[in-house]
């Protein structure tokens, strides 16, 4: 005779080994991931700040060159006839 589905499931569940959980290893892995994430965030923030500073310096250097007044030449004399 065939077994019922519930008997098959029960026998299959009984044959599965109980998972062993090493809590210390889980906590250590969480600490490693947290540390990596912090390094990544710090590196990204440093790169963003560096890009902003470099862009600001570049814009300031470019705008200071374009806003200088032209060199003064000799004054022009215009005579009005009257």
C-alpha atoms as a PDB file:
ATOM      1  CA  UNK A   1       0.000   0.000   0.000  1.00  0.00           C
ATOM      2  CA  UNK A   2       1.001   3.553  -0.468  1.00  0.00           C
ATOM      3  CA  UNK A   3       1.623   5.861   2.420  1.00  0.00           C
ATOM      4  CA  UNK A   4      -0.383   9.009   2.930  1.00  0.00           C
ATOM      5  CA  UNK A   5       1.125  12.349   2.099  1.00  0.00           C
ATOM      6  CA  UNK A   6       1.282  13.368   5.750  1.00  0.00           C
ATOM      7  CA  UNK A   7       3.260  10.205   6.602  1.00  0.00           C
ATOM      8  CA  UNK A   8       5.714  10.879   3.782  1.00  0.00           C
ATOM      9  CA  UNK A   9       6.166  14.495   4.879  1.00  0.00           C
ATOM     10  CA  UNK A  10       6.638  13.488   8.503  1.00  0.00           C
ATOM     11  CA  UNK A  11       9.260  10.877   7.593  1.00  0.00           C
ATOM     12  CA  UNK A  12      11.046  13.370   5.335  1.00  0.00           C
ATOM     13  CA  UNK A  13      11.063  16.014   8.067  1.00  0.00           C
ATOM     14  CA  UNK A  14      12.403  13.516  10.619  1.00  0.00           C
ATOM     15  CA  UNK A  15      15.279  12.572   8.313  1.00  0.00           C
ATOM     16  CA  UNK A  16      16.513  16.159   7.942  1.00  0.00           C
ATOM     17  CA  UNK A  17      19.391  17.090  10.217  1.00  0.00           C
ATOM     18  CA  UNK A  18      18.869  19.902  12.694  1.00  0.00           C
ATOM     19  CA  UNK A  19      20.798  22.969  11.549  1.00  0.00           C
ATOM     20  CA  UNK A  20      23.608  23.995  13.860  1.00  0.00           C
ATOM     21  CA  UNK A  21      23.824  27.738  14.352  1.00  0.00           C
ATOM     22  CA  UNK A  22      27.098  29.218  15.569  1.00  0.00           C
ATOM     23  CA  UNK A  23      25.913  32.481  17.095  1.00  0.00           C
ATOM     24  CA  UNK A  24      29.460  33.790  17.538  1.00  0.00           C
ATOM     25  CA  UNK A  25      30.177  33.346  13.840  1.00  0.00           C
ATOM     26  CA  UNK A  26      26.913  35.064  12.909  1.00  0.00           C
ATOM     27  CA  UNK A  27      27.780  38.060  15.102  1.00  0.00           C
ATOM     28  CA  UNK A  28      31.341  38.178  13.717  1.00  0.00           C
ATOM     29  CA  UNK A  29      30.017  38.156  10.134  1.00  0.00           C
ATOM     30  CA  UNK A  30      27.580  40.952  10.979  1.00  0.00           C
ATOM     31  CA  UNK A  31      30.447  43.011  12.430  1.00  0.00           C
ATOM     32  CA  UNK A  32      32.546  42.467   9.286  1.00  0.00           C
ATOM     33  CA  UNK A  33      29.686  43.538   7.040  1.00  0.00           C
ATOM     34  CA  UNK A  34      28.968  46.604   9.156  1.00  0.00           C
ATOM     35  CA  UNK A  35      32.655  47.616   9.064  1.00  0.00           C
ATOM     36  CA  UNK A  36      32.810  47.184   5.271  1.00  0.00           C
ATOM     37  CA  UNK A  37      29.664  49.249   4.866  1.00  0.00           C
ATOM     38  CA  UNK A  38      31.091  52.035   7.028  1.00  0.00           C
ATOM     39  CA  UNK A  39      34.326  52.074   5.001  1.00  0.00           C
ATOM     40  CA  UNK A  40      32.322  52.219   1.795  1.00  0.00           C
ATOM     41  CA  UNK A  41      30.185  55.117   3.040  1.00  0.00           C
ATOM     42  CA  UNK A  42      33.253  57.008   4.296  1.00  0.00           C
ATOM     43  CA  UNK A  43      35.077  56.476   0.995  1.00  0.00           C
ATOM     44  CA  UNK A  44      32.079  57.591  -1.022  1.00  0.00           C
ATOM     45  CA  UNK A  45      31.650  60.704   1.122  1.00  0.00           C
ATOM     46  CA  UNK A  46      35.352  61.550   0.799  1.00  0.00           C
ATOM     47  CA  UNK A  47      35.179  61.145  -2.983  1.00  0.00           C
ATOM     48  CA  UNK A  48      32.087  63.363  -3.164  1.00  0.00           C
ATOM     49  CA  UNK A  49      33.703  66.088  -1.051  1.00  0.00           C
ATOM     50  CA  UNK A  50      36.879  65.902  -3.143  1.00  0.00           C
ATOM     51  CA  UNK A  51      34.878  66.241  -6.361  1.00  0.00           C
ATOM     52  CA  UNK A  52      32.975  69.241  -4.989  1.00  0.00           C
ATOM     53  CA  UNK A  53      36.174  70.955  -3.830  1.00  0.00           C
ATOM     54  CA  UNK A  54      37.923  70.292  -7.148  1.00  0.00           C
ATOM     55  CA  UNK A  55      34.928  71.600  -9.070  1.00  0.00           C
ATOM     56  CA  UNK A  56      34.749  74.720  -6.905  1.00  0.00           C
ATOM     57  CA  UNK A  57      38.451  75.440  -7.381  1.00  0.00           C
ATOM     58  CA  UNK A  58      38.124  74.940 -11.126  1.00  0.00           C
ATOM     59  CA  UNK A  59      35.113  77.255 -11.374  1.00  0.00           C
ATOM     60  CA  UNK A  60      36.791  79.893  -9.192  1.00  0.00           C
ATOM     61  CA  UNK A  61      39.974  79.786 -11.272  1.00  0.00           C
ATOM     62  CA  UNK A  62      38.029  80.036 -14.531  1.00  0.00           C
ATOM     63  CA  UNK A  63      35.775  82.865 -13.382  1.00  0.00           C
ATOM     64  CA  UNK A  64      38.635  84.927 -11.960  1.00  0.00           C
ATOM     65  CA  UNK A  65      40.389  84.813 -15.338  1.00  0.00           C
ATOM     66  CA  UNK A  66      37.315  85.927 -17.268  1.00  0.00           C
ATOM     67  CA  UNK A  67      36.311  88.755 -14.931  1.00  0.00           C
ATOM     68  CA  UNK A  68      39.611  90.669 -14.910  1.00  0.00           C
ATOM     69  CA  UNK A  69      39.238  94.113 -16.457  1.00  0.00           C
ATOM     70  CA  UNK A  70      41.055  94.627 -19.738  1.00  0.00           C
ATOM     71  CA  UNK A  71      44.382  96.456 -19.473  1.00  0.00           C
ATOM     72  CA  UNK A  72      44.013 100.226 -19.646  1.00  0.00           C
ATOM     73  CA  UNK A  73      45.438 101.837 -22.757  1.00  0.00           C
ATOM     74  CA  UNK A  74      46.178 105.509 -23.280  1.00  0.00           C
ATOM     75  CA  UNK A  75      43.058 107.641 -22.926  1.00  0.00           C
ATOM     76  CA  UNK A  76      41.411 108.539 -26.193  1.00  0.00           C
ATOM     77  CA  UNK A  77      40.872 112.204 -26.943  1.00  0.00           C
ATOM     78  CA  UNK A  78      37.792 113.131 -28.842  1.00  0.00           C
ATOM     79  CA  UNK A  79      37.284 116.679 -30.082  1.00  0.00           C
ATOM     80  CA  UNK A  80      33.919 118.066 -30.803  1.00  0.00           C
ATOM     81  CA  UNK A  81      33.695 120.659 -33.452  1.00  0.00           C
ATOM     82  CA  UNK A  82      31.448 123.441 -32.573  1.00  0.00           C
END
